[in-house]
């Protein structure tokens, strides 16, 4: 174990569906007899598809891969495979995202997914002492009414879920559309986070703050608004940055290194580094911390 792996870490921005490695995708497709539902015939074909143009081109592959997740054991195996990697890299606390609507839209019951994820997290706590908390994310592109329906299902498994978040396509789906869902989630005692300022403008970060979030996921476009940066600093609002993700999705078209240096250089922001969707972007926690952008 090298020095970086040996350092204890917290991972606050990782999508479990985004930890689905090509080998596991093909294995689960065979196990569940759904090879015809994914547009790839081999691990090599999957990896060749990893040349993303933007967030949407990534999401198309991400959602296609989810077709192999059908049974509670699938969600357990997916989560456990990530946890083993995370433990090997010194992660001692993780708050993983997962997208229940991605699965309920395919007639996979909410409980099937969350029970599998929760069981793996509890086993990791028993085996390694790794602490955790599940965050379910509403999918923006399904709209605010669907978010409210998802929240109602989440209440049936409230003892397994720590918080709610908001992800998927940012352009065209501003955070303010989900005010009612977040207000109700807060009243139910869930902690709140939201993706904002990844592909969207700084205004989306303002809207995330208005939702009452306790941290902003990504937030790199906050650099466009000096007043917002001041507010983030004063509130000690965490930004969960994901450098390799931003690089792979061409968030700043070759200027990412300069933007990251600006954020870190300010010296007064609360920033964490995370892996986001490591199977697709080529790096788990330790590589995020050591890669030269």
Protein backbone atom coordinates (compact mmCIF):
# COMPACT_ATOMS: atom_id res chain seq x y z
CA UNK A 1 0.00 0.00 0.00
CA UNK A 2 1.47 3.36 -1.00
CA UNK A 3 1.27 6.59 1.00
CA UNK A 4 -1.83 7.92 -0.78
CA UNK A 5 -3.73 4.65 -0.30
CA UNK A 6 -2.72 4.60 3.37
CA UNK A 7 -4.32 7.97 4.09
CA UNK A 8 -7.85 7.66 5.55
CA UNK A 9 -10.42 9.17 3.20
CA UNK A 10 -14.10 10.02 2.95
CA UNK A 11 -15.86 9.63 -0.40
CA UNK A 12 -18.83 12.00 -0.62
CA UNK A 13 -19.58 11.93 -4.35
CA UNK A 14 -19.75 8.52 -5.99
CA UNK A 15 -22.63 7.04 -8.00
CA UNK A 16 -22.94 3.31 -7.39
CA UNK A 17 -24.21 2.73 -10.92
CA UNK A 18 -21.10 4.55 -12.08
CA UNK A 19 -18.87 1.93 -10.43
CA UNK A 20 -20.15 -0.79 -12.78
CA UNK A 21 -16.97 -2.02 -14.43
CA UNK A 22 -17.29 -3.50 -17.96
CA UNK A 23 -16.37 -6.97 -16.73
CA UNK A 24 -19.11 -6.88 -14.11
CA UNK A 25 -21.59 -5.44 -16.64
CA UNK A 26 -21.05 -8.36 -19.00
CA UNK A 27 -21.07 -10.90 -16.15
CA UNK A 28 -24.39 -9.63 -14.79
CA UNK A 29 -25.86 -9.46 -18.29
CA UNK A 30 -25.05 -13.16 -18.71
CA UNK A 31 -26.22 -14.07 -15.21
CA UNK A 32 -29.56 -12.35 -15.76
CA UNK A 33 -29.90 -13.41 -19.40
CA UNK A 34 -30.16 -9.81 -20.68
CA UNK A 35 -27.24 -9.63 -23.08
CA UNK A 36 -29.70 -8.52 -25.77
CA UNK A 37 -30.61 -5.44 -23.69
CA UNK A 38 -27.15 -3.86 -23.73
CA UNK A 39 -25.69 -2.50 -26.99
CA UNK A 40 -22.32 -4.22 -26.57
CA UNK A 41 -21.01 -7.71 -27.23
CA UNK A 42 -17.80 -7.61 -25.22
CA UNK A 43 -15.82 -5.83 -22.53
CA UNK A 44 -13.67 -4.30 -25.26
CA UNK A 45 -16.70 -2.78 -26.98
CA UNK A 46 -17.85 -1.22 -23.72
CA UNK A 47 -14.45 0.37 -23.11
CA UNK A 48 -14.34 1.75 -26.65
CA UNK A 49 -17.55 3.64 -25.91
CA UNK A 50 -15.81 5.64 -23.16
CA UNK A 51 -14.88 8.52 -25.47
CA UNK A 52 -17.46 10.97 -24.16
CA UNK A 53 -18.31 14.30 -25.81
CA UNK A 54 -20.30 15.70 -22.89
CA UNK A 55 -22.46 14.72 -19.93
CA UNK A 56 -25.32 13.39 -22.07
CA UNK A 57 -23.11 11.07 -24.10
CA UNK A 58 -21.89 9.59 -20.82
CA UNK A 59 -25.42 9.28 -19.42
CA UNK A 60 -26.55 7.33 -22.49
CA UNK A 61 -23.96 4.64 -21.73
CA UNK A 62 -24.53 4.87 -17.98
CA UNK A 63 -28.27 4.17 -18.29
CA UNK A 64 -27.70 1.41 -20.85
CA UNK A 65 -25.40 -0.38 -18.43
CA UNK A 66 -28.02 -0.28 -15.68
CA UNK A 67 -30.14 -2.75 -17.66
CA UNK A 68 -28.09 -5.58 -16.10
CA UNK A 69 -29.15 -4.67 -12.55
CA UNK A 70 -32.33 -6.60 -11.80
CA UNK A 71 -32.11 -8.57 -8.56
CA UNK A 72 -31.26 -7.60 -4.98
CA UNK A 73 -28.07 -9.66 -5.29
CA UNK A 74 -27.02 -7.57 -8.31
CA UNK A 75 -27.20 -4.38 -6.28
CA UNK A 76 -25.34 -6.06 -3.43
CA UNK A 77 -22.60 -7.28 -5.76
CA UNK A 78 -22.28 -3.89 -7.47
CA UNK A 79 -21.95 -2.10 -4.14
CA UNK A 80 -19.60 -4.68 -2.63
CA UNK A 81 -17.23 -4.52 -5.61
CA UNK A 82 -16.96 -0.74 -5.15
CA UNK A 83 -16.52 -1.04 -1.38
CA UNK A 84 -13.65 -3.51 -1.77
CA UNK A 85 -11.83 -1.06 -4.07
CA UNK A 86 -12.59 1.85 -1.77
CA UNK A 87 -11.32 0.00 1.29
CA UNK A 88 -8.10 -0.92 -0.52
CA UNK A 89 -7.58 2.79 -1.20
CA UNK A 90 -8.11 3.88 2.39
CA UNK A 91 -11.74 5.00 2.27
CA UNK A 92 -13.17 4.80 5.79
CA UNK A 93 -16.47 6.64 5.18
CA UNK A 94 -18.64 6.74 2.07
CA UNK A 95 -21.97 8.36 1.24
CA UNK A 96 -22.86 6.77 -2.10
CA UNK A 97 -25.52 8.01 -4.47
CA UNK A 98 -27.87 5.72 -6.29
CA UNK A 99 -30.72 6.49 -8.69
CA UNK A 100 -33.84 4.51 -7.77
CA UNK A 101 -35.84 5.89 -10.70
CA UNK A 102 -33.36 4.40 -13.15
CA UNK A 103 -34.43 1.02 -11.84
CA UNK A 104 -38.11 1.52 -10.98
CA UNK A 105 -38.63 2.70 -14.59
CA UNK A 106 -37.48 -0.79 -15.59
CA UNK A 107 -39.97 -2.36 -13.14
CA UNK A 108 -37.26 -3.16 -10.60
CA UNK A 109 -38.88 -2.47 -7.20
CA UNK A 110 -37.41 0.36 -5.13
CA UNK A 111 -36.91 -2.05 -2.24
CA UNK A 112 -34.95 -4.53 -4.37
CA UNK A 113 -32.33 -1.88 -5.11
CA UNK A 114 -32.07 -0.17 -1.74
CA UNK A 115 -32.00 -3.42 0.25
CA UNK A 116 -29.12 -4.75 -1.84
CA UNK A 117 -27.12 -1.55 -1.44
CA UNK A 118 -27.86 -1.28 2.27
CA UNK A 119 -26.87 -4.89 2.97
CA UNK A 120 -23.47 -4.42 1.32
CA UNK A 121 -22.82 -1.22 3.28
CA UNK A 122 -23.68 -2.92 6.56
CA UNK A 123 -21.36 -5.82 5.72
CA UNK A 124 -18.54 -3.35 5.00
CA UNK A 125 -19.12 -1.74 8.38
CA UNK A 126 -18.98 -5.14 10.10
CA UNK A 127 -15.85 -6.24 8.22
CA UNK A 128 -13.77 -3.04 8.08
CA UNK A 129 -15.54 -0.51 10.30
CA UNK A 130 -16.37 1.55 7.20
CA UNK A 131 -19.20 3.98 8.00
CA UNK A 132 -21.71 5.06 5.37
CA UNK A 133 -25.04 6.59 4.47
CA UNK A 134 -27.15 6.11 1.33
CA UNK A 135 -28.22 9.16 -0.69
CA UNK A 136 -30.94 8.61 -3.28
CA UNK A 137 -30.90 11.02 -6.23
CA UNK A 138 -33.89 12.33 -8.15
CA UNK A 139 -33.35 12.31 -11.92
CA UNK A 140 -33.88 15.82 -13.21
CA UNK A 141 -34.95 14.77 -16.69
CA UNK A 142 -37.95 12.89 -15.27
CA UNK A 143 -39.30 16.09 -13.77
CA UNK A 144 -40.51 17.31 -10.36
CA UNK A 145 -43.65 15.17 -10.14
CA UNK A 146 -41.62 12.00 -10.60
CA UNK A 147 -39.25 13.24 -7.87
CA UNK A 148 -42.18 13.52 -5.47
CA UNK A 149 -43.29 9.99 -6.35
CA UNK A 150 -39.75 8.73 -5.73
CA UNK A 151 -39.71 10.46 -2.36
CA UNK A 152 -42.94 8.72 -1.37
CA UNK A 153 -41.34 5.36 -2.12
CA UNK A 154 -38.22 6.34 -0.20
CA UNK A 155 -40.29 6.97 2.92
CA UNK A 156 -41.07 3.24 3.04
CA UNK A 157 -37.33 2.59 3.50
CA UNK A 158 -36.50 5.66 5.55
CA UNK A 159 -34.36 3.73 8.03
CA UNK A 160 -31.98 2.78 5.20
CA UNK A 161 -31.62 6.22 3.58
CA UNK A 162 -29.63 9.16 4.90
CA UNK A 163 -30.37 11.83 2.33
CA UNK A 164 -31.69 12.89 -1.06
CA UNK A 165 -29.89 14.49 -3.96
CA UNK A 166 -30.45 15.63 -7.52
CA UNK A 167 -28.53 14.52 -10.60
CA UNK A 168 -28.78 13.71 -14.34
CA UNK A 169 -29.00 16.29 -17.15
CA UNK A 170 -28.47 19.77 -15.73
CA UNK A 171 -29.17 21.84 -18.84
CA UNK A 172 -32.88 22.57 -19.14
CA UNK A 173 -33.70 21.27 -15.68
CA UNK A 174 -32.88 24.01 -13.14
CA UNK A 175 -32.79 23.07 -9.49
CA UNK A 176 -35.65 25.40 -8.59
CA UNK A 177 -38.10 23.01 -10.29
CA UNK A 178 -37.54 20.58 -7.42
CA UNK A 179 -38.28 22.96 -4.55
CA UNK A 180 -41.36 21.05 -3.37
CA UNK A 181 -39.59 17.69 -3.34
CA UNK A 182 -36.67 19.09 -1.36
CA UNK A 183 -38.94 20.94 1.07
CA UNK A 184 -40.81 17.72 1.80
CA UNK A 185 -37.61 15.70 2.05
CA UNK A 186 -36.23 18.15 4.61
CA UNK A 187 -39.45 17.96 6.62
CA UNK A 188 -39.04 14.17 6.70
CA UNK A 189 -35.56 14.55 8.19
CA UNK A 190 -33.47 13.68 5.13
CA UNK A 191 -30.19 15.47 4.56
CA UNK A 192 -30.03 17.40 1.29
CA UNK A 193 -27.45 17.66 -1.48
CA UNK A 194 -27.68 18.53 -5.19
CA UNK A 195 -25.56 18.47 -8.32
CA UNK A 196 -25.12 22.01 -9.58
CA UNK A 197 -22.65 24.01 -11.60
CA UNK A 198 -21.26 20.95 -13.39
CA UNK A 199 -22.42 21.59 -16.95
CA UNK A 200 -24.83 24.32 -15.86
CA UNK A 201 -24.04 27.92 -14.82
CA UNK A 202 -23.37 29.43 -11.42
CA UNK A 203 -27.07 30.29 -11.17
CA UNK A 204 -27.77 26.60 -10.66
CA UNK A 205 -25.54 26.66 -7.58
CA UNK A 206 -27.53 29.62 -6.23
CA UNK A 207 -30.68 27.57 -6.76
CA UNK A 208 -29.16 24.57 -5.00
CA UNK A 209 -28.43 26.74 -1.98
CA UNK A 210 -32.04 27.95 -2.06
CA UNK A 211 -33.15 24.31 -1.84
CA UNK A 212 -31.45 24.13 1.54
CA UNK A 213 -28.63 21.76 0.57
CA UNK A 214 -25.88 20.91 3.01
CA UNK A 215 -23.32 20.54 0.23
CA UNK A 216 -23.07 21.18 -3.51
CA UNK A 217 -21.99 18.34 -5.78
CA UNK A 218 -19.49 19.58 -8.40
CA UNK A 219 -20.02 23.37 -8.33
CA UNK A 220 -17.02 24.16 -10.50
CA UNK A 221 -18.92 26.83 -12.45
CA UNK A 222 -19.22 28.80 -9.21
CA UNK A 223 -16.05 30.48 -10.48
CA UNK A 224 -18.22 32.55 -12.82
CA UNK A 225 -19.77 34.45 -9.89
CA UNK A 226 -17.52 36.21 -7.33
CA UNK A 227 -20.47 36.93 -5.06
CA UNK A 228 -21.37 33.23 -5.04
CA UNK A 229 -17.80 32.28 -4.16
CA UNK A 230 -17.93 34.69 -1.24
CA UNK A 231 -21.22 33.17 -0.06
CA UNK A 232 -19.86 29.62 -0.35
CA UNK A 233 -16.81 30.60 1.69
CA UNK A 234 -18.80 32.37 4.38
CA UNK A 235 -21.19 29.46 4.76
CA UNK A 236 -18.40 26.86 4.63
CA UNK A 237 -20.51 25.11 2.00
CA UNK A 238 -18.68 22.00 0.77
CA UNK A 239 -18.12 21.46 -2.95
CA UNK A 240 -17.63 17.80 -3.88
CA UNK A 241 -15.30 18.16 -6.85
CA UNK A 242 -14.62 15.28 -9.26
CA UNK A 243 -11.55 16.19 -11.37
CA UNK A 244 -11.40 13.16 -13.67
CA UNK A 245 -15.12 13.36 -14.32
CA UNK A 246 -14.86 17.00 -15.36
CA UNK A 247 -11.87 16.17 -17.53
CA UNK A 248 -13.55 13.22 -19.29
CA UNK A 249 -16.77 15.14 -19.88
CA UNK A 250 -14.93 18.20 -21.23
CA UNK A 251 -16.52 20.53 -18.68
CA UNK A 252 -14.09 23.35 -19.45
CA UNK A 253 -12.66 22.35 -22.86
CA UNK A 254 -9.00 22.23 -21.96
CA UNK A 255 -9.16 24.86 -19.23
CA UNK A 256 -9.99 22.48 -16.40
CA UNK A 257 -6.55 22.56 -14.80
CA UNK A 258 -6.67 26.35 -14.58
CA UNK A 259 -10.20 26.29 -13.13
CA UNK A 260 -9.29 23.69 -10.50
CA UNK A 261 -6.20 25.67 -9.55
CA UNK A 262 -8.35 28.78 -9.18
CA UNK A 263 -10.77 27.04 -6.83
CA UNK A 264 -8.06 25.52 -4.67
CA UNK A 265 -6.01 28.70 -4.86
CA UNK A 266 -8.74 30.77 -3.26
CA UNK A 267 -7.85 29.04 -0.01
CA UNK A 268 -11.14 29.78 1.72
CA UNK A 269 -13.49 27.20 0.19
CA UNK A 270 -14.47 23.86 1.67
CA UNK A 271 -13.53 21.38 -1.08
CA UNK A 272 -13.46 17.59 -1.26
CA UNK A 273 -12.12 15.39 -4.07
CA UNK A 274 -14.15 12.37 -5.18
CA UNK A 275 -14.43 9.78 -7.95
CA UNK A 276 -18.01 10.36 -9.26
CA UNK A 277 -18.38 7.50 -11.78
CA UNK A 278 -14.97 5.82 -11.55
CA UNK A 279 -15.64 2.84 -13.80
CA UNK A 280 -16.40 5.22 -16.67
CA UNK A 281 -13.87 7.96 -15.95
CA UNK A 282 -10.87 5.76 -15.23
CA UNK A 283 -10.04 6.38 -11.59
CA UNK A 284 -11.08 5.67 -8.02
CA UNK A 285 -10.14 7.83 -5.03
CA UNK A 286 -6.36 7.50 -5.00
CA UNK A 287 -6.03 8.30 -8.70
CA UNK A 288 -8.26 11.37 -8.28
CA UNK A 289 -5.80 12.65 -5.70
CA UNK A 290 -2.66 11.99 -7.72
CA UNK A 291 -3.59 12.55 -11.39
CA UNK A 292 -2.10 15.55 -13.17
CA UNK A 293 -4.98 17.21 -15.00
